[in-house]
Protein backbone atom coordinates (compact mmCIF):
# COMPACT_ATOMS: atom_id res chain seq x y z
CA UNK A 1 0.00 0.00 0.00
CA UNK A 2 1.51 3.31 -1.11
CA UNK A 3 0.87 6.63 0.55
CA UNK A 4 -1.62 8.68 -1.46
CA UNK A 5 -2.39 5.78 -3.80
CA UNK A 6 -5.36 3.48 -4.16
CA UNK A 7 -5.45 0.49 -1.85
CA UNK A 8 -7.98 -2.28 -1.20
CA UNK A 9 -8.35 -4.82 1.51
CA UNK A 10 -7.26 -8.31 0.52
CA UNK A 11 -10.58 -9.89 1.39
CA UNK A 12 -13.88 -8.13 1.75
CA UNK A 13 -14.72 -4.43 1.80
CA UNK A 14 -13.10 -1.93 4.12
CA UNK A 15 -14.95 -2.01 7.45
CA UNK A 16 -16.84 1.06 8.52
CA UNK A 17 -15.29 2.91 11.48
CA UNK A 18 -17.59 4.51 13.97
CA UNK A 19 -16.86 8.21 14.66
CA UNK A 20 -16.30 7.61 18.37
CA UNK A 21 -13.46 5.19 17.56
CA UNK A 22 -11.82 7.30 14.83
CA UNK A 23 -10.33 9.82 17.23
CA UNK A 24 -8.57 7.14 19.26
CA UNK A 25 -7.23 5.47 16.14
CA UNK A 26 -5.79 8.75 14.83
CA UNK A 27 -4.31 9.63 18.23
CA UNK A 28 -2.55 6.25 18.30
CA UNK A 29 -1.30 6.54 14.70
CA UNK A 30 0.23 10.02 14.99
CA UNK A 31 1.36 12.67 17.47
CA UNK A 32 -0.92 15.42 16.12
CA UNK A 33 -3.47 15.74 13.30
CA UNK A 34 -4.96 18.70 11.46
CA UNK A 35 -7.97 18.99 9.20
CA UNK A 36 -7.30 21.84 6.79
CA UNK A 37 -9.20 23.26 3.87
CA UNK A 38 -7.92 23.31 0.32
CA UNK A 39 -6.38 26.75 0.86
CA UNK A 40 -4.64 25.71 4.09
CA UNK A 41 -6.98 27.07 6.82
CA UNK A 42 -6.98 24.92 9.97
CA UNK A 43 -10.50 23.62 10.65
CA UNK A 44 -9.87 21.21 13.51
CA UNK A 45 -6.97 19.97 15.62
CA UNK A 46 -6.31 16.59 17.19
CA UNK A 47 -3.39 16.51 19.68
CA UNK A 48 -1.90 14.01 22.09
CA UNK A 49 -2.45 15.54 25.49
CA UNK A 50 0.38 13.50 27.03
CA UNK A 51 2.98 15.04 24.70
CA UNK A 52 4.73 18.00 26.30
CA UNK A 53 4.09 21.34 24.61
CA UNK A 54 1.17 20.26 22.47
CA UNK A 55 -1.62 21.79 24.57
CA UNK A 56 -0.85 25.31 23.29
CA UNK A 57 -2.00 24.58 19.72
CA UNK A 58 -5.75 25.22 20.27
CA UNK A 59 -5.50 28.82 19.11
CA UNK A 60 -4.44 27.62 15.63
CA UNK A 61 -8.02 26.69 14.72
CA UNK A 62 -9.58 29.00 12.12
CA UNK A 63 -6.23 30.45 11.02
CA UNK A 64 -4.08 29.62 7.97
CA UNK A 65 -1.44 26.96 8.59
CA UNK A 66 1.11 29.22 6.86
CA UNK A 67 1.00 31.56 9.90
CA UNK A 68 2.58 28.82 12.02
CA UNK A 69 5.28 27.66 9.59
CA UNK A 70 8.84 28.92 9.14
CA UNK A 71 9.73 30.71 5.93
CA UNK A 72 11.38 27.71 4.29
CA UNK A 73 8.42 25.42 5.16
CA UNK A 74 5.66 27.57 3.58
CA UNK A 75 6.57 26.71 -0.06
CA UNK A 76 6.73 23.01 0.77
CA UNK A 77 3.28 23.09 2.42
CA UNK A 78 1.67 24.96 -0.47
CA UNK A 79 3.26 22.61 -3.01
CA UNK A 80 1.78 19.62 -1.13
CA UNK A 81 -1.72 21.19 -1.13
CA UNK A 82 -1.43 21.86 -4.86
CA UNK A 83 -0.39 18.26 -5.54
CA UNK A 84 -3.43 16.95 -3.61
CA UNK A 85 -5.75 19.33 -5.45
CA UNK A 86 -4.40 17.96 -8.77
CA UNK A 87 -5.24 14.39 -7.64
CA UNK A 88 -1.64 13.17 -7.74
CA UNK A 89 -1.51 9.49 -6.79
CA UNK A 90 1.86 9.47 -5.05
CA UNK A 91 2.72 12.05 -2.40
CA UNK A 92 5.77 11.72 -0.18
CA UNK A 93 5.71 12.77 3.49
CA UNK A 94 6.61 16.42 4.04
CA UNK A 95 8.81 17.73 6.84
CA UNK A 96 7.61 21.11 8.10
CA UNK A 97 9.04 23.34 10.82
CA UNK A 98 6.40 24.95 13.02
CA UNK A 99 6.85 28.21 14.86
CA UNK A 100 4.56 30.22 17.13
CA UNK A 101 6.05 33.72 17.30
CA UNK A 102 9.36 33.43 19.19
CA UNK A 103 8.26 31.03 21.89
CA UNK A 104 9.20 27.68 20.36
CA UNK A 105 9.98 25.88 17.13
CA UNK A 106 10.00 22.21 16.29
CA UNK A 107 9.87 19.95 13.16
CA UNK A 108 7.06 17.54 12.22
CA UNK A 109 6.84 14.97 9.43
CA UNK A 110 3.36 14.97 7.86
CA UNK A 111 1.51 12.60 5.58
CA UNK A 112 -1.29 14.43 3.74
CA UNK A 113 -4.55 12.71 2.74
CA UNK A 114 -7.54 14.05 0.84
CA UNK A 115 -10.69 13.10 2.81
CA UNK A 116 -13.63 14.67 1.00
CA UNK A 117 -14.98 16.17 -2.21
CA UNK A 118 -14.51 19.69 -0.82
CA UNK A 119 -10.67 19.36 -1.07
CA UNK A 120 -10.30 18.96 2.69
CA UNK A 121 -6.94 17.53 3.71
CA UNK A 122 -6.09 15.40 6.73
CA UNK A 123 -2.54 16.00 8.00
CA UNK A 124 -1.12 13.23 10.20
CA UNK A 125 2.09 14.34 11.86
CA UNK A 126 4.95 12.70 13.77
CA UNK A 127 6.95 14.90 16.13
CA UNK A 128 10.65 15.01 15.13
CA UNK A 129 11.93 16.95 18.14
CA UNK A 130 13.63 13.87 19.57
CA UNK A 131 15.38 13.27 16.24
CA UNK A 132 16.35 16.95 16.02
CA UNK A 133 17.73 16.91 19.56
CA UNK A 134 19.74 13.79 18.77
CA UNK A 135 21.14 15.40 15.63
CA UNK A 136 22.03 18.50 17.61
CA UNK A 137 23.84 16.38 20.17
CA UNK A 138 25.77 14.67 17.39
CA UNK A 139 26.76 18.06 15.96
CA UNK A 140 27.90 19.24 19.40
CA UNK A 141 29.85 16.01 19.87
CA UNK A 142 31.53 16.54 16.49
CA UNK A 143 32.49 20.08 17.48
CA UNK A 144 33.91 18.76 20.74
CA UNK A 145 35.97 16.16 18.85
CA UNK A 146 37.32 18.81 16.50
CA UNK A 147 38.30 20.99 19.45
CA UNK A 148 39.99 18.00 21.05
CA UNK A 149 41.92 17.27 17.85
CA UNK A 150 43.04 20.89 17.61
CA UNK A 151 44.21 20.91 21.22
CA UNK A 152 46.02 17.63 20.68
CA UNK A 153 47.77 18.95 17.57
CA UNK A 154 48.73 22.10 19.50
CA UNK A 155 50.17 20.10 22.40
CA UNK A 156 51.97 17.79 19.97
CA UNK A 157 53.54 20.79 18.20
CA UNK A 158 54.69 22.24 21.53
CA UNK A 159 56.15 18.88 22.56
CA UNK A 160 58.01 18.43 19.26
CA UNK A 161 59.37 21.97 19.41
CA UNK A 162 60.58 21.46 22.99
CA UNK A 163 62.26 18.16 22.13
CA UNK A 164 63.99 19.68 19.10
CA UNK A 165 65.20 22.90 20.73
CA UNK A 166 66.39 21.70 24.14
CA UNK A 167 70.08 20.97 24.60
CA UNK A 168 69.32 18.37 27.26
CA UNK A 169 69.32 14.73 26.12
CA UNK A 170 65.96 13.01 26.73
CA UNK A 171 64.33 9.78 25.65
CA UNK A 172 61.05 8.02 26.51
CA UNK A 173 60.94 4.30 27.24
CA UNK A 174 57.91 2.02 27.63
CA UNK A 175 58.02 0.28 31.01
CA UNK A 176 56.16 -2.76 29.62
CA UNK A 177 58.51 -3.78 26.78
CA UNK A 178 61.59 -1.60 27.38
CA UNK A 179 61.54 -0.06 23.89
CA UNK A 180 62.35 3.55 23.06
CA UNK A 181 59.18 5.44 22.18
CA UNK A 182 60.75 8.81 21.37
CA UNK A 183 64.16 10.48 21.56
CA UNK A 184 65.51 13.94 20.76
CA UNK A 185 68.52 14.77 18.59
CA UNK A 186 70.86 15.40 21.53
CA UNK A 187 70.23 11.95 22.99
CA UNK A 188 70.63 10.36 19.54
CA UNK A 189 74.03 12.00 19.24
CA UNK A 190 75.09 10.67 22.65
CA UNK A 191 74.04 7.14 21.67
CA UNK A 192 75.81 7.47 18.32
CA UNK A 193 72.91 6.72 15.97
CA UNK A 194 69.98 8.30 14.12
CA UNK A 195 66.56 8.92 15.67
CA UNK A 196 64.80 6.77 13.06
CA UNK A 197 67.00 3.79 13.96
CA UNK A 198 66.64 4.24 17.73
CA UNK A 199 62.85 4.68 17.97
CA UNK A 200 61.28 1.27 18.54
CA UNK A 201 64.54 -0.47 19.51
CA UNK A 202 65.17 -1.89 23.03
CA UNK A 203 67.02 0.59 25.22
CA UNK A 204 69.14 -2.17 26.75
CA UNK A 205 70.91 -2.91 23.46
CA UNK A 206 72.22 0.67 23.35
CA UNK A 207 74.34 0.04 26.47
CA UNK A 208 77.02 -2.57 27.07
CA UNK A 209 76.39 -5.56 29.34
CA UNK A 210 72.73 -4.69 29.89
CA UNK A 211 69.82 -7.11 29.59
CA UNK A 212 66.42 -5.76 28.63
CA UNK A 213 64.36 -6.92 31.62
CA UNK A 214 67.04 -6.24 34.22
CA UNK A 215 67.87 -2.81 32.82
CA UNK A 216 64.22 -1.66 32.76
CA UNK A 217 63.70 -2.95 36.31
CA UNK A 218 66.81 -1.03 37.38
CA UNK A 219 65.44 2.17 35.86
CA UNK A 220 62.06 1.65 37.56
CA UNK A 221 63.73 0.93 40.90
CA UNK A 222 65.87 4.07 40.75
CA UNK A 223 62.94 6.22 39.61
CA UNK A 224 60.72 5.07 42.49
CA UNK A 225 63.37 5.50 45.20
CA UNK A 226 63.07 8.29 47.74
CA UNK A 227 66.55 9.62 47.00
CA UNK A 228 67.89 11.17 43.82
CA UNK A 229 69.91 8.40 42.18
CA UNK A 230 71.30 7.82 38.70
CA UNK A 231 72.15 4.81 36.59
CA UNK A 232 75.62 4.68 35.06
CA UNK A 233 76.13 2.81 31.80
CA UNK A 234 78.42 2.69 28.78
CA UNK A 235 77.07 3.12 25.26
CA UNK A 236 77.47 0.26 22.83
CA UNK A 237 78.58 2.34 19.85
CA UNK A 238 80.78 5.12 21.18
CA UNK A 239 81.92 3.46 24.46
CA UNK A 240 80.91 6.65 26.25
CA UNK A 241 80.11 6.75 29.93
CA UNK A 242 76.52 7.97 30.37
CA UNK A 243 74.64 8.93 33.53
CA UNK A 244 70.88 8.23 33.28
CA UNK A 245 68.31 9.98 35.49
CA UNK A 246 64.92 8.18 35.13
CA UNK A 247 61.42 9.40 36.05
CA UNK A 248 58.21 7.36 35.79
CA UNK A 249 54.81 8.68 34.73
CA UNK A 250 51.61 7.18 33.33
CA UNK A 251 50.10 8.13 29.95
CA UNK A 252 46.90 6.58 28.54
CA UNK A 253 47.10 3.77 31.07
CA UNK A 254 50.70 2.86 30.16
CA UNK A 255 53.72 3.46 32.37
CA UNK A 256 56.47 5.44 30.68
CA UNK A 257 60.02 6.22 31.78
CA UNK A 258 61.52 9.56 30.78
CA UNK A 259 65.32 9.31 30.93
CA UNK A 260 67.67 12.28 31.05
CA UNK A 261 71.09 11.39 29.64
CA UNK A 262 74.30 13.17 30.54
CA UNK A 263 77.78 12.32 29.35
CA UNK A 264 80.38 11.96 32.09
CA UNK A 265 82.86 13.89 29.92
CA UNK A 266 80.53 16.77 29.09
CA UNK A 267 81.06 20.19 30.63
CA UNK A 268 78.72 21.27 33.46
CA UNK A 269 76.03 23.60 32.23
CA UNK A 270 76.73 26.04 35.05
CA UNK A 271 80.44 26.45 34.30
CA UNK A 272 80.05 29.69 32.36
CA UNK A 273 83.56 30.91 33.18
CA UNK A 274 85.19 28.07 31.24
CA UNK A 275 82.83 28.64 28.32
CA UNK A 276 83.71 32.34 28.26
CA UNK A 277 87.44 31.56 28.38
CA UNK A 278 87.14 29.08 25.51
CA UNK A 279 85.23 31.63 23.47
CA UNK A 280 87.92 34.26 24.05
CA UNK A 281 90.61 31.70 23.14
CA UNK A 282 88.79 30.95 19.89
CA UNK A 283 88.51 34.61 18.97
CA UNK A 284 91.98 35.83 19.99
CA UNK A 285 94.13 32.79 19.17
CA UNK A 286 97.08 33.44 16.85
CA UNK A 287 96.50 30.01 15.32
CA UNK A 288 93.67 29.70 12.81
CA UNK A 289 90.69 27.69 14.09
CA UNK A 290 87.98 26.29 11.80
CA UNK A 291 84.80 24.45 12.84
CA UNK A 292 83.29 22.21 10.14
CA UNK A 293 80.69 19.48 9.93
CA UNK A 294 81.65 15.93 9.02
CA UNK A 295 81.43 16.76 5.31
CA UNK A 296 83.99 19.56 5.65
CA UNK A 297 81.51 22.44 5.25
CA UNK A 298 82.74 25.47 7.22
CA UNK A 299 80.45 26.64 10.04
CA UNK A 300 82.70 29.08 11.89
CA UNK A 301 86.26 30.43 11.79
CA UNK A 302 88.26 32.85 13.90
CA UNK A 303 90.03 36.05 12.87
CA UNK A 304 93.38 34.29 12.46
CA UNK A 305 91.99 32.11 9.67
CA UNK A 306 90.61 35.14 7.86
CA UNK A 307 94.08 36.68 7.96
CA UNK A 308 95.97 33.62 6.73
CA UNK A 309 93.43 33.03 3.96
CA UNK A 310 93.25 36.75 3.05
CA UNK A 311 89.45 36.77 3.39
CA UNK A 312 87.66 39.99 4.27
CA UNK A 313 84.65 38.69 6.22
CA UNK A 314 83.22 35.56 7.81
CA UNK A 315 80.33 35.41 5.31
CA UNK A 316 82.80 34.69 2.49
CA UNK A 317 83.95 31.50 4.22
CA UNK A 318 80.90 29.93 5.87
CA UNK A 319 78.90 27.32 3.94
CA UNK A 320 81.95 26.64 1.75
CA UNK A 321 84.05 23.50 1.80
CA UNK A 322 87.41 23.69 3.56
CA UNK A 323 88.85 21.80 0.57
CA UNK A 324 88.71 25.06 -1.42
CA UNK A 325 91.47 26.48 0.81
CA UNK A 326 93.80 23.44 0.77
CA UNK A 327 96.59 22.71 -1.71
CA UNK A 328 95.37 19.25 -2.73
CA UNK A 329 91.71 20.10 -2.17
CA UNK A 330 89.45 17.18 -1.38
CA UNK A 331 92.38 14.77 -1.03
CA UNK A 332 93.76 16.68 1.98
CA UNK A 333 90.32 17.15 3.48
CA UNK A 334 89.32 13.49 3.09
CA UNK A 335 92.54 12.27 4.73
CA UNK A 336 92.07 14.56 7.74
CA UNK A 337 88.35 13.85 8.15
CA UNK A 338 88.73 10.08 7.88
CA UNK A 339 91.50 9.97 10.48
CA UNK A 340 89.67 12.34 12.86
CA UNK A 341 86.37 10.47 12.65
CA UNK A 342 88.06 7.07 12.94
CA UNK A 343 90.40 7.78 15.87
CA UNK A 344 88.91 11.00 17.29
CA UNK A 345 91.86 13.22 16.37
CA UNK A 346 94.84 13.74 14.09
CA UNK A 347 97.91 15.37 15.60
CA UNK A 348 99.79 16.95 12.70
CA UNK A 349 99.13 17.08 8.97
CA UNK A 350 101.43 19.15 6.76
CA UNK A 351 100.06 20.80 3.65
CA UNK A 352 99.73 24.23 2.09
CA UNK A 353 96.89 26.73 2.42
CA UNK A 354 95.76 28.71 -0.62
CA UNK A 355 94.50 32.23 0.00
CA UNK A 356 92.19 34.26 -2.22
CA UNK A 357 95.03 35.62 -4.34
CA UNK A 358 96.79 32.36 -5.13
CA UNK A 359 100.01 32.14 -3.00
CA UNK A 360 100.18 29.03 -0.85
CA UNK A 361 101.38 29.16 2.75
CA UNK A 362 102.89 26.08 4.40
CA UNK A 363 100.74 25.04 7.37
CA UNK A 364 100.48 22.27 9.94
CA UNK A 365 96.95 21.18 10.84
CA UNK A 366 95.68 19.38 13.94
CA UNK A 367 92.19 17.86 13.72
CA UNK A 368 89.79 16.76 16.47
CA UNK A 369 86.30 15.26 16.29
CA UNK A 370 83.69 17.11 18.40
CA UNK A 371 80.75 14.82 19.29
CA UNK A 372 79.25 16.47 22.38
CA UNK A 373 76.81 18.62 20.41
CA UNK A 374 73.50 18.29 18.65
CA UNK A 375 75.42 17.74 15.42
CA UNK A 376 78.80 16.00 15.17
CA UNK A 377 81.45 18.54 14.19
CA UNK A 378 85.18 18.57 13.42
CA UNK A 379 87.65 21.20 14.62
CA UNK A 380 90.81 22.22 12.72
CA UNK A 381 93.72 24.12 14.31
CA UNK A 382 95.93 25.53 11.56
CA UNK A 383 99.44 26.81 12.31
CA UNK A 384 101.63 28.78 9.92
CA UNK A 385 104.70 26.56 9.34
CA UNK A 386 106.51 28.96 6.99
CA UNK A 387 108.58 30.62 9.69
CA UNK A 388 109.48 27.32 11.33
CA UNK A 389 110.65 25.90 8.00
CA UNK A 390 112.78 28.98 7.41
CA UNK A 391 114.41 28.59 10.82
CA UNK A 392 115.02 24.88 10.29
CA UNK A 393 116.45 25.38 6.80
CA UNK A 394 118.95 28.10 7.91
CA UNK A 395 121.96 26.55 9.73
CA UNK A 396 123.36 28.54 12.58
CA UNK A 397 127.05 29.31 12.91
CA UNK A 398 128.94 26.98 15.17
CA UNK A 399 126.25 24.34 15.31
CA UNK A 400 126.91 20.72 14.52
CA UNK A 401 125.12 19.08 11.60
CA UNK A 402 122.09 16.97 12.40
CA UNK A 403 122.49 13.24 12.88
CA UNK A 404 121.16 12.40 9.44
CA UNK A 405 123.53 14.81 7.78
CA UNK A 406 126.36 13.54 10.00
CA UNK A 407 125.80 9.97 8.78
CA UNK A 408 125.91 11.15 5.19
CA UNK A 409 129.17 12.97 5.88
CA UNK A 410 130.70 9.77 7.21
CA UNK A 411 130.03 8.07 3.85
CA UNK A 412 132.25 10.53 2.03
CA UNK A 413 135.41 8.71 0.97
CA UNK A 414 133.91 5.27 1.35
CA UNK A 415 131.71 5.49 -1.75
CA UNK A 416 131.42 7.62 -4.86
CA UNK A 417 129.29 10.77 -4.63
CA UNK A 418 126.79 9.40 -7.15
CA UNK A 419 126.11 6.32 -5.00
CA UNK A 420 125.78 8.38 -1.80
CA UNK A 421 123.21 10.72 -3.40
CA UNK A 422 121.28 7.81 -4.93
CA UNK A 423 121.11 5.93 -1.62
CA UNK A 424 119.98 9.02 0.27
CA UNK A 425 117.28 9.73 -2.33
CA UNK A 426 115.97 6.17 -2.07
CA UNK A 427 115.64 6.44 1.73
CA UNK A 428 113.75 9.73 1.48
CA UNK A 429 111.56 8.42 -1.36
CA UNK A 430 110.65 5.29 0.59
CA UNK A 431 109.76 7.35 3.69
CA UNK A 432 107.54 9.70 1.66
CA UNK A 433 105.70 6.83 -0.03
CA UNK A 434 105.14 5.02 3.30
CA UNK A 435 103.79 8.22 4.88
CA UNK A 436 101.43 8.94 1.97
CA UNK A 437 100.05 5.39 2.00
CA UNK A 438 99.53 5.51 5.76
CA UNK A 439 97.79 8.93 5.68
CA UNK A 440 95.42 7.81 2.94
CA UNK A 441 94.73 4.48 4.69
CA UNK A 442 96.17 2.51 1.75
CA UNK A 443 94.13 4.46 -0.81
CA UNK A 444 96.73 4.24 -3.57
CA UNK A 445 94.92 6.57 -5.95
CA UNK A 446 94.83 9.30 -3.28
CA UNK A 447 98.44 8.59 -2.31
CA UNK A 448 99.58 8.90 -5.93
CA UNK A 449 97.78 12.25 -6.29
CA UNK A 450 99.26 13.46 -2.98
CA UNK A 451 102.79 12.60 -4.18
CA UNK A 452 102.24 14.02 -7.67
CA UNK A 453 102.75 10.60 -9.32
CA UNK A 454 100.69 8.53 -11.68
CA UNK A 455 99.12 5.38 -10.28
CA UNK A 456 101.40 3.23 -12.47
CA UNK A 457 104.51 5.01 -11.18
CA UNK A 458 103.36 4.55 -7.58
CA UNK A 459 102.84 0.81 -8.14
CA UNK A 460 106.33 0.52 -9.61
CA UNK A 461 107.87 2.23 -6.57
CA UNK A 462 105.79 0.17 -4.12
CA UNK A 463 107.02 -3.00 -5.81
CA UNK A 464 110.59 -1.66 -5.82
CA UNK A 465 110.68 -1.09 -2.05
CA UNK A 466 108.68 -4.21 -1.14
CA UNK A 467 105.72 -2.17 0.11
CA UNK A 468 103.22 -3.68 -2.32
CA UNK A 469 103.63 -7.19 -0.94
CA UNK A 470 103.42 -5.97 2.63
CA UNK A 471 100.16 -4.08 1.99
CA UNK A 472 98.61 -7.06 0.21
CA UNK A 473 99.43 -9.36 3.13
CA UNK A 474 97.91 -6.94 5.64
């Protein structure tokens, strides 16, 4: 049976309904009913007296229904009356919003039925206030969720900014499985690895001779003690002594351990006098000092380097590679960086420094790896060796010849001059080749370029002095 269409009972005619029973049937089938004329004037009203707010509708009788509808509902009501007047067979229920001045407003879903030849219409309505209230609650809940998401994103941004900007080393560990949940860049540098590799890994494997369960229990025990205690451990990668200060808190029902890491060799944060002295030493030192990253990109230099390189300002040096100022360029830089990163320092490396105008000054460079910062850096101390070479090359009156020269003098008379010179040249040549191979860590291409030889010539000399076989065996 379709609304507004023709329908018949399956068997027999439709039973006649007595008028005294019709009111009860309509009251049970709907929340309120109106009998309106073809032009929309309310003739009679049937309301459910038990429904709250319905008893105030009696004054609607004799007035147009349009007076008690909102502006957007009037066209829908008039369209429904027109459809009934045109004897349309199918008419969908219509949702109308009622209003009575400014006192109240609520929606009703109506089914409209033509009930007589005079175009009278019976409107059977179902109150939708409960549905509207539920929808309103859902909207309010959605707004609350959006506010919660915004607050969460704001707190997350603050947390990420704090973790990234603080110079203290912190990491968060789950007390249930002992895995690292989050870690900042300073702590990653202390542990000697990247953040992406450390997050999700067991904290115990980052320290020597530590088992996961025992180490987490130790952290929990120290954190819950009444006295301020620390846990001392040694990192697996860098063999650095670390002091761990743990604190326990609960988040979303899970116990978390926040650990503050501090290197035993790091400077105290309150020792400002030493920091000031080091800064003054950097600025006023007569030796050139350069701070680079592990790729050799210059981050900072002192005034002495600007003088020896004949550079006018710091901006002309920063963000450039130190190889641009060295005689053999990237070869010199790679040798120094590899040795400093591998062993932590390099005592003396002799080369020449090229300034902006071309002349090259002989220098001696000491290199040290700096790992106690957010980013691993390398420091270069560059000394001008030109004056020292001049002093060494000028013999003083009345002084005895050096031991090497003295040995050469003793050979005079025992061998021809040609043989003495040849033997001395071979000794010096062998020493230079051994030094170049050692500095380049057996990189023969780099050693050949450092010595100004072709690779074939270097192989010939290595074979001549027996160095090729020795390197192959090692």
